[in-house]
């Protein structure tokens, strides 16, 4: 198996010489920012996205919407979005970079224009799942040419409208395959009914986020299913008015900082942690508490404290898969083995995350075994060796930072790829640990 690695910047990840004690301000949520941008572009009038994330993935989303005719005026604290359309018959190119949200959220919007819109990006984006959305949009009335690949590059031939209706998808590869259909659905002539058939959908809280944001923008949305997890979503045709949205801090980016409190027996406070979050706040805290931390709310935000030991656990991380690499790093320091499952879909994220984590930790002397849908971690003493590979994956940089707390001299290759969602990560991480002795 080939794993592309980005060697453009090597970062010396600082070791922890004492329990951490820090107050951290996180950047805004990528997931919320990009959903808000798409809903703004589909709204009847101007909208404001306050406290947006400013990072590569959101810049790509903004660039895509500008290419499709919307105006986005950026100020220090917000983005003002005025919906628009490209001229009929215009040829437009959308740069996807390696942004899965842009690849999956924007084609439905493109089909509603009267432009010919070509989507392509980094080499890795061509390997990430998009086929189910393209097939679904065709079934709903869109014209899309992908050369039979079911992957980027592909071209949407906008007709100014999409019929909509009922469609069945297998969204086991990514929850974004459902969200990407739901976001544009209020503008479809018949709305949409999406039914998932296949293995469980990963990251289900992200679909719930999409539903809540659609409803807040005025859409009529219902989720239904025979069990605890919905498998059918209905969106009625209608108007959208996003109005003004303030983006929450990105709780998935809190993962490495919360893990730092856990593994060092210290304390980290995350400012502005929302009491009623659009994100998977509860599952994030639950898994860290199972591993030995405890959390409390206070006037300054949420505080995570380590208990002095890291416990090995067995857990299905399907709903918090963005934390899987950080939790794997923490599990190397546990008092017993850990098994993490529900992660097969992460093999098609920015890199094959299971293969990458096993390879890089084992190169440090660790014992991580790949399973079809997860990892088994047996704690062993680790030592710095060659630079830790990150494979153009921001979560690999964050996992390496957690490992570096207990592995003096750990160097991290390609660390600048963390700018995908957290441009200042290495500076904030170093500041948390304080001056080096």
Protein backbone atom coordinates (compact mmCIF):
# COMPACT_ATOMS: atom_id res chain seq x y z
CA UNK A 1 0.00 0.00 0.00
CA UNK A 2 1.31 3.45 -0.95
CA UNK A 3 0.83 6.31 1.49
CA UNK A 4 1.74 9.76 0.16
CA UNK A 5 3.63 11.75 2.77
CA UNK A 6 4.07 15.50 2.90
CA UNK A 7 7.61 16.43 3.95
CA UNK A 8 7.37 20.22 3.45
CA UNK A 9 7.89 21.18 7.10
CA UNK A 10 9.33 19.25 10.03
CA UNK A 11 8.15 20.32 13.48
CA UNK A 12 9.84 19.39 16.74
CA UNK A 13 6.89 18.38 18.88
CA UNK A 14 7.55 19.48 22.48
CA UNK A 15 7.60 16.95 25.31
CA UNK A 16 5.71 17.56 28.56
CA UNK A 17 7.98 18.08 31.57
CA UNK A 18 5.07 18.52 33.99
CA UNK A 19 1.27 18.30 34.00
CA UNK A 20 -0.18 20.82 31.59
CA UNK A 21 -2.21 23.74 32.89
CA UNK A 22 -3.66 25.87 30.14
CA UNK A 23 -6.57 27.90 28.82
CA UNK A 24 -7.11 27.32 25.07
CA UNK A 25 -9.11 29.32 22.53
CA UNK A 26 -10.01 27.10 19.59
CA UNK A 27 -10.65 28.18 16.01
CA UNK A 28 -14.20 27.92 14.70
CA UNK A 29 -15.76 24.71 13.39
CA UNK A 30 -15.01 23.79 9.79
CA UNK A 31 -18.13 21.62 9.62
CA UNK A 32 -20.44 24.44 10.71
CA UNK A 33 -18.66 27.12 8.65
CA UNK A 34 -18.93 25.19 5.39
CA UNK A 35 -22.55 24.20 5.98
CA UNK A 36 -23.38 27.82 6.78
CA UNK A 37 -21.67 29.04 3.60
CA UNK A 38 -23.66 26.64 1.41
CA UNK A 39 -26.95 27.52 3.13
CA UNK A 40 -26.13 31.21 2.72
CA UNK A 41 -25.57 30.73 -1.01
CA UNK A 42 -28.95 28.97 -1.25
CA UNK A 43 -30.82 31.62 0.77
CA UNK A 44 -33.25 34.17 -0.63
CA UNK A 45 -31.26 37.10 0.68
CA UNK A 46 -27.91 38.12 2.18
CA UNK A 47 -26.59 36.24 5.19
CA UNK A 48 -23.85 36.70 7.78
CA UNK A 49 -21.51 33.96 8.98
CA UNK A 50 -19.96 35.31 12.18
CA UNK A 51 -16.78 33.86 13.68
CA UNK A 52 -16.04 31.68 10.61
CA UNK A 53 -13.08 29.34 10.47
CA UNK A 54 -10.34 30.80 8.31
CA UNK A 55 -8.39 27.82 7.03
CA UNK A 56 -7.69 26.00 3.78
CA UNK A 57 -10.93 23.97 3.70
CA UNK A 58 -13.16 26.98 4.31
CA UNK A 59 -11.20 29.11 1.83
CA UNK A 60 -11.87 26.39 -0.75
CA UNK A 61 -15.58 26.44 0.13
CA UNK A 62 -15.74 30.21 -0.21
CA UNK A 63 -13.88 29.99 -3.51
CA UNK A 64 -16.36 27.42 -4.80
CA UNK A 65 -19.35 29.61 -3.93
CA UNK A 66 -17.74 32.66 -5.51
CA UNK A 67 -17.17 30.63 -8.68
CA UNK A 68 -20.90 29.81 -8.63
CA UNK A 69 -21.88 33.47 -8.45
CA UNK A 70 -22.19 34.35 -4.77
CA UNK A 71 -20.43 37.38 -3.35
CA UNK A 72 -18.55 36.88 -0.07
CA UNK A 73 -17.24 39.98 1.65
CA UNK A 74 -14.81 39.21 4.45
CA UNK A 75 -14.39 41.37 7.53
CA UNK A 76 -12.30 40.75 10.62
CA UNK A 77 -15.14 38.99 12.45
CA UNK A 78 -17.54 37.71 9.81
CA UNK A 79 -18.29 36.84 6.20
CA UNK A 80 -21.21 38.55 4.46
CA UNK A 81 -22.69 36.34 1.74
CA UNK A 82 -24.91 37.63 -1.07
CA UNK A 83 -26.37 34.77 -3.11
CA UNK A 84 -25.88 34.86 -6.86
CA UNK A 85 -25.70 32.77 -10.02
CA UNK A 86 -23.11 32.50 -12.76
CA UNK A 87 -24.26 33.59 -16.22
CA UNK A 88 -26.18 30.96 -18.14
CA UNK A 89 -23.87 28.73 -20.17
CA UNK A 90 -20.79 29.80 -18.22
CA UNK A 91 -17.98 27.30 -17.77
CA UNK A 92 -16.84 27.22 -14.13
CA UNK A 93 -14.07 25.32 -12.36
CA UNK A 94 -14.25 24.49 -8.64
CA UNK A 95 -10.99 23.70 -6.85
CA UNK A 96 -11.68 20.98 -4.27
CA UNK A 97 -8.19 20.82 -2.82
CA UNK A 98 -8.55 17.89 -0.42
CA UNK A 99 -11.78 19.17 1.13
CA UNK A 100 -14.39 16.44 1.40
CA UNK A 101 -17.07 18.90 2.50
CA UNK A 102 -16.61 21.01 -0.65
CA UNK A 103 -16.64 17.92 -2.88
CA UNK A 104 -19.88 16.63 -1.33
CA UNK A 105 -21.76 19.83 -0.41
CA UNK A 106 -21.37 21.90 -3.59
CA UNK A 107 -22.48 19.61 -6.50
CA UNK A 108 -26.16 19.89 -5.50
CA UNK A 109 -25.84 23.67 -5.56
CA UNK A 110 -24.02 23.51 -8.92
CA UNK A 111 -26.89 21.48 -10.41
CA UNK A 112 -29.27 24.34 -9.57
CA UNK A 113 -27.28 26.79 -11.70
CA UNK A 114 -27.27 27.10 -15.48
CA UNK A 115 -23.50 26.70 -15.68
CA UNK A 116 -21.17 23.86 -16.60
CA UNK A 117 -19.18 23.24 -13.42
CA UNK A 118 -16.04 21.09 -13.34
CA UNK A 119 -14.83 19.79 -9.96
CA UNK A 120 -11.25 18.65 -9.33
CA UNK A 121 -8.52 19.09 -6.74
CA UNK A 122 -5.56 17.41 -5.09
CA UNK A 123 -4.55 13.89 -6.07
CA UNK A 124 -5.99 12.44 -2.84
CA UNK A 125 -9.46 13.90 -3.45
CA UNK A 126 -9.82 11.59 -6.46
CA UNK A 127 -9.75 8.60 -4.08
CA UNK A 128 -12.36 9.89 -1.62
CA UNK A 129 -16.00 8.67 -1.81
CA UNK A 130 -18.32 10.78 -3.97
CA UNK A 131 -19.96 8.20 -6.28
CA UNK A 132 -23.14 7.76 -4.20
CA UNK A 133 -23.90 11.50 -4.31
CA UNK A 134 -23.30 11.74 -8.05
CA UNK A 135 -25.52 8.71 -8.70
CA UNK A 136 -28.21 10.11 -6.38
CA UNK A 137 -28.17 13.52 -8.04
CA UNK A 138 -28.53 11.87 -11.45
CA UNK A 139 -31.50 9.90 -10.15
CA UNK A 140 -33.01 13.17 -8.89
CA UNK A 141 -32.67 14.82 -12.29
CA UNK A 142 -29.19 16.34 -12.47
CA UNK A 143 -26.84 15.84 -15.42
CA UNK A 144 -23.35 14.82 -14.29
CA UNK A 145 -20.41 13.46 -16.26
CA UNK A 146 -17.72 11.59 -14.32
CA UNK A 147 -16.49 9.26 -17.05
CA UNK A 148 -17.93 6.31 -15.14
CA UNK A 149 -15.39 6.72 -12.33
CA UNK A 150 -17.75 7.75 -9.54
CA UNK A 151 -14.94 10.05 -8.42
CA UNK A 152 -13.36 13.43 -9.10
CA UNK A 153 -12.82 14.95 -11.56
CA UNK A 154 -16.45 15.29 -12.60
CA UNK A 155 -18.61 17.89 -14.33
CA UNK A 156 -22.09 19.07 -13.37
CA UNK A 157 -24.12 20.43 -16.31
CA UNK A 158 -26.50 22.74 -14.50
CA UNK A 159 -30.02 23.09 -15.88
CA UNK A 160 -31.23 25.75 -13.45
CA UNK A 161 -33.37 23.28 -11.54
CA UNK A 162 -33.35 19.77 -10.05
CA UNK A 163 -36.52 17.67 -9.94
CA UNK A 164 -35.80 15.94 -6.62
CA UNK A 165 -37.83 13.07 -5.19
CA UNK A 166 -36.93 9.81 -3.49
CA UNK A 167 -33.48 8.24 -3.57
CA UNK A 168 -31.63 5.40 -1.85
CA UNK A 169 -27.92 5.74 -0.99
CA UNK A 170 -25.30 3.72 0.81
CA UNK A 171 -23.74 6.38 3.05
CA UNK A 172 -21.52 3.98 5.01
CA UNK A 173 -18.46 5.64 3.46
CA UNK A 174 -19.22 9.10 4.87
CA UNK A 175 -22.05 10.94 6.60
CA UNK A 176 -21.34 13.79 4.17
CA UNK A 177 -22.96 11.69 1.44
CA UNK A 178 -26.29 12.34 3.17
CA UNK A 179 -25.56 15.92 4.22
CA UNK A 180 -24.51 16.84 0.69
CA UNK A 181 -27.92 15.81 -0.63
CA UNK A 182 -29.92 17.42 2.18
CA UNK A 183 -28.34 20.88 2.02
CA UNK A 184 -29.58 21.78 -1.46
CA UNK A 185 -32.84 19.81 -1.19
CA UNK A 186 -35.14 22.73 -0.22
CA UNK A 187 -34.40 24.18 -3.65
CA UNK A 188 -35.31 20.98 -5.50
CA UNK A 189 -38.76 21.06 -7.15
CA UNK A 190 -40.02 18.11 -5.09
CA UNK A 191 -37.63 18.35 -2.18
CA UNK A 192 -36.04 15.02 -1.28
CA UNK A 193 -36.44 11.80 0.62
CA UNK A 194 -33.09 10.10 1.25
CA UNK A 195 -33.02 6.56 2.57
CA UNK A 196 -29.76 4.97 3.65
CA UNK A 197 -29.28 1.28 2.95
CA UNK A 198 -26.04 -0.40 4.00
CA UNK A 199 -23.74 -0.64 7.00
CA UNK A 200 -24.22 2.01 9.72
CA UNK A 201 -23.55 5.60 8.70
CA UNK A 202 -20.41 6.95 10.41
CA UNK A 203 -20.34 10.34 12.14
CA UNK A 204 -24.12 10.42 12.48
CA UNK A 205 -23.96 13.57 14.67
CA UNK A 206 -22.81 15.46 11.57
CA UNK A 207 -26.06 14.60 9.80
CA UNK A 208 -27.95 15.81 12.87
CA UNK A 209 -25.93 19.04 12.59
CA UNK A 210 -27.04 19.42 8.97
CA UNK A 211 -30.69 18.83 9.92
CA UNK A 212 -30.58 21.41 12.73
CA UNK A 213 -28.91 24.02 10.54
CA UNK A 214 -31.42 23.47 7.74
CA UNK A 215 -34.30 23.84 10.20
CA UNK A 216 -32.78 27.02 11.65
CA UNK A 217 -32.65 28.42 8.09
CA UNK A 218 -36.37 27.73 7.64
CA UNK A 219 -36.40 24.32 5.96
CA UNK A 220 -38.91 21.62 6.82
CA UNK A 221 -36.82 18.53 7.65
CA UNK A 222 -37.73 15.23 9.28
CA UNK A 223 -35.51 12.30 10.24
CA UNK A 224 -36.96 8.83 10.77
CA UNK A 225 -35.80 5.29 11.38
CA UNK A 226 -36.67 2.04 13.07
CA UNK A 227 -33.87 2.29 15.65
CA UNK A 228 -31.96 4.92 17.57
CA UNK A 229 -30.10 6.06 14.43
CA UNK A 230 -32.18 7.65 11.64
CA UNK A 231 -31.95 6.03 8.22
CA UNK A 232 -34.41 8.24 6.32
CA UNK A 233 -34.47 12.01 5.92
CA UNK A 234 -37.17 14.13 4.26
CA UNK A 235 -36.79 17.76 3.17
CA UNK A 236 -39.76 19.66 1.72
CA UNK A 237 -39.25 22.24 -1.02
CA UNK A 238 -39.27 25.80 0.26
CA UNK A 239 -37.43 29.01 0.94
CA UNK A 240 -34.22 29.35 2.91
CA UNK A 241 -33.12 32.33 4.98
CA UNK A 242 -29.93 31.68 6.92
CA UNK A 243 -29.89 35.17 8.42
CA UNK A 244 -26.98 35.42 10.84
CA UNK A 245 -25.10 32.42 12.24
CA UNK A 246 -22.30 32.46 14.80
CA UNK A 247 -19.97 29.49 14.37
CA UNK A 248 -19.05 27.41 17.43
CA UNK A 249 -15.47 26.46 18.32
CA UNK A 250 -14.35 23.27 16.55
CA UNK A 251 -14.72 20.58 19.22
CA UNK A 252 -12.91 17.96 17.14
CA UNK A 253 -9.89 20.26 17.27
CA UNK A 254 -10.22 20.25 21.05
CA UNK A 255 -9.28 16.56 21.02
CA UNK A 256 -5.51 16.85 21.28
CA UNK A 257 -5.71 19.48 24.03
CA UNK A 258 -8.17 17.43 26.07
CA UNK A 259 -5.93 14.40 25.53
CA UNK A 260 -2.97 16.42 26.80
CA UNK A 261 -4.78 16.91 30.12
CA UNK A 262 -5.53 13.18 30.21
CA UNK A 263 -2.03 11.87 29.51
CA UNK A 264 -0.10 14.40 31.63
CA UNK A 265 -2.50 14.40 34.59
CA UNK A 266 -3.00 18.11 34.04
CA UNK A 267 -5.81 20.55 33.35
CA UNK A 268 -6.93 22.24 30.13
CA UNK A 269 -9.83 24.69 29.84
CA UNK A 270 -11.47 25.12 26.42
CA UNK A 271 -13.01 28.58 26.15
CA UNK A 272 -16.58 29.01 24.88
CA UNK A 273 -17.42 25.30 24.88
CA UNK A 274 -21.13 25.35 23.91
CA UNK A 275 -23.67 23.97 26.37
CA UNK A 276 -26.00 23.02 23.50
CA UNK A 277 -23.68 22.12 20.66
CA UNK A 278 -24.36 21.27 17.04
CA UNK A 279 -21.34 18.98 17.32
CA UNK A 280 -20.80 15.62 19.06
CA UNK A 281 -19.86 17.22 22.38
CA UNK A 282 -21.30 14.47 24.58
CA UNK A 283 -19.60 11.52 22.83
CA UNK A 284 -16.27 13.39 22.78
CA UNK A 285 -16.30 13.91 26.54
CA UNK A 286 -17.66 10.43 27.24
CA UNK A 287 -14.80 8.56 25.57
CA UNK A 288 -12.14 10.72 27.23
CA UNK A 289 -13.78 10.17 30.62
CA UNK A 290 -13.78 6.42 30.00
CA UNK A 291 -10.01 6.72 29.51
CA UNK A 292 -9.56 8.41 32.89
CA UNK A 293 -10.27 12.13 32.54
CA UNK A 294 -13.07 14.16 34.09
CA UNK A 295 -14.75 17.30 32.80
CA UNK A 296 -16.54 20.20 34.43
CA UNK A 297 -18.22 23.38 33.18
CA UNK A 298 -17.32 26.74 34.66
CA UNK A 299 -17.47 30.44 33.82
CA UNK A 300 -14.35 30.13 31.64
CA UNK A 301 -15.56 27.15 29.60
CA UNK A 302 -15.11 23.41 29.85
CA UNK A 303 -12.20 22.08 31.90
CA UNK A 304 -10.74 18.62 31.37
CA UNK A 305 -8.56 17.15 34.13
CA UNK A 306 -6.44 14.05 33.96
CA UNK A 307 -6.70 11.51 36.75
CA UNK A 308 -3.05 10.50 36.77
CA UNK A 309 -3.54 7.32 34.70
CA UNK A 310 -4.75 6.57 31.20
CA UNK A 311 -7.05 3.55 31.01
CA UNK A 312 -7.18 1.21 28.05
CA UNK A 313 -10.71 0.84 26.71
CA UNK A 314 -12.72 -0.88 24.01
CA UNK A 315 -14.89 1.61 22.15
CA UNK A 316 -16.82 2.08 18.93
CA UNK A 317 -15.65 5.47 17.65
CA UNK A 318 -18.03 5.65 14.70
CA UNK A 319 -19.61 8.90 15.94
CA UNK A 320 -16.33 10.58 16.92
CA UNK A 321 -14.00 9.23 14.26
CA UNK A 322 -12.24 12.60 13.93
CA UNK A 323 -10.75 11.89 17.36
CA UNK A 324 -9.58 8.38 16.53
CA UNK A 325 -5.96 9.25 15.81
CA UNK A 326 -5.59 11.41 18.92
CA UNK A 327 -7.22 8.73 21.07
CA UNK A 328 -4.93 6.11 19.54
CA UNK A 329 -1.94 8.24 20.50
CA UNK A 330 -3.26 8.55 24.07
CA UNK A 331 -3.90 4.79 24.20
CA UNK A 332 -0.19 4.08 23.68
CA UNK A 333 0.30 5.51 27.20
CA UNK A 334 -2.52 3.54 28.84
CA UNK A 335 -2.37 0.96 31.62
CA UNK A 336 -3.87 -1.77 29.41
CA UNK A 337 -4.59 -2.45 25.72
CA UNK A 338 -7.29 -0.59 23.80
CA UNK A 339 -9.43 -1.59 20.85
CA UNK A 340 -11.09 1.08 18.70
CA UNK A 341 -13.64 0.05 16.07
CA UNK A 342 -16.18 1.66 13.74
CA UNK A 343 -13.39 3.26 11.71
CA UNK A 344 -13.34 1.45 8.35
CA UNK A 345 -14.54 4.63 6.61
CA UNK A 346 -11.45 6.54 7.79
CA UNK A 347 -9.34 4.59 5.31
CA UNK A 348 -10.70 6.95 2.64
CA UNK A 349 -10.21 10.23 4.48
CA UNK A 350 -7.20 12.48 3.91
CA UNK A 351 -5.15 9.28 4.06
CA UNK A 352 -5.76 5.69 5.11
CA UNK A 353 -5.81 6.71 8.74
CA UNK A 354 -5.69 3.20 10.17
CA UNK A 355 -2.69 2.17 8.10
CA UNK A 356 -0.92 5.46 8.71
CA UNK A 357 -1.30 5.36 12.50
CA UNK A 358 -0.18 1.73 12.74
CA UNK A 359 2.85 2.36 10.54
CA UNK A 360 4.02 5.52 12.30
CA UNK A 361 3.49 4.37 15.91
CA UNK A 362 5.12 1.02 15.21
CA UNK A 363 8.10 2.90 13.78
CA UNK A 364 8.46 4.46 17.25
CA UNK A 365 8.60 1.00 18.82
CA UNK A 366 4.87 0.74 19.47
CA UNK A 367 2.47 -2.15 19.01
CA UNK A 368 -0.56 -1.15 16.93
CA UNK A 369 -2.41 -3.76 14.89
CA UNK A 370 -4.75 -2.90 12.04
CA UNK A 371 -8.17 -4.51 11.94
CA UNK A 372 -10.63 -4.18 9.06
CA UNK A 373 -12.56 -1.46 10.91
CA UNK A 374 -10.20 -0.27 13.61
CA UNK A 375 -7.01 -0.57 15.61
CA UNK A 376 -5.73 -2.62 18.54
CA UNK A 377 -3.19 -0.73 20.68
CA UNK A 378 -0.91 -2.50 23.16
CA UNK A 379 1.07 0.06 25.19
CA UNK A 380 4.86 -0.16 24.89
CA UNK A 381 7.64 2.35 25.56
CA UNK A 382 8.13 4.61 22.55
CA UNK A 383 11.25 6.35 21.30
CA UNK A 384 11.87 8.98 18.66
CA UNK A 385 13.15 7.65 15.35
CA UNK A 386 12.61 9.02 11.85
CA UNK A 387 10.21 11.97 11.50
CA UNK A 388 6.61 10.98 12.15
CA UNK A 389 4.79 10.92 8.81
CA UNK A 390 1.57 12.89 8.42
CA UNK A 391 0.46 12.06 4.84
CA UNK A 392 -1.16 15.44 4.18
CA UNK A 393 -3.59 14.71 7.04
CA UNK A 394 -4.18 17.38 9.69
CA UNK A 395 -5.31 14.77 12.25
CA UNK A 396 -1.97 12.97 11.95
CA UNK A 397 -0.21 16.17 13.07
CA UNK A 398 -2.49 16.40 16.11
CA UNK A 399 -1.90 12.74 16.98
CA UNK A 400 1.84 13.27 16.71
CA UNK A 401 1.62 16.22 19.09
CA UNK A 402 -0.02 14.00 21.73
CA UNK A 403 2.64 11.33 21.21
CA UNK A 404 5.35 13.96 21.50
CA UNK A 405 4.25 14.74 25.05
CA UNK A 406 5.80 11.42 26.13
CA UNK A 407 8.38 10.90 23.37
CA UNK A 408 11.18 13.46 23.70
CA UNK A 409 12.75 14.46 20.42
CA UNK A 410 9.78 13.49 18.24
CA UNK A 411 9.90 15.27 14.90
CA UNK A 412 6.78 15.60 12.77
CA UNK A 413 7.03 15.70 8.98
CA UNK A 414 4.71 17.86 6.91
CA UNK A 415 3.29 19.64 9.93
CA UNK A 416 2.02 22.58 7.87
CA UNK A 417 -0.80 20.37 6.59
CA UNK A 418 -2.57 21.09 9.90
CA UNK A 419 -3.57 24.43 8.32
CA UNK A 420 -6.42 22.52 6.69
CA UNK A 421 -8.51 23.24 9.81
CA UNK A 422 -6.20 24.83 12.44
CA UNK A 423 -3.50 27.10 10.94
CA UNK A 424 -2.06 28.12 14.34
CA UNK A 425 -2.10 24.65 15.89
CA UNK A 426 1.64 24.24 16.52
CA UNK A 427 1.90 27.70 18.08
CA UNK A 428 -1.11 27.13 20.35
CA UNK A 429 0.22 23.69 21.31
CA UNK A 430 3.65 25.03 22.19
CA UNK A 431 2.11 27.87 24.20
CA UNK A 432 0.04 25.35 26.19
CA UNK A 433 3.21 23.60 27.27
CA UNK A 434 4.96 26.84 28.21
CA UNK A 435 8.64 27.76 27.84
CA UNK A 436 11.00 24.86 27.52
CA UNK A 437 13.39 24.35 30.43
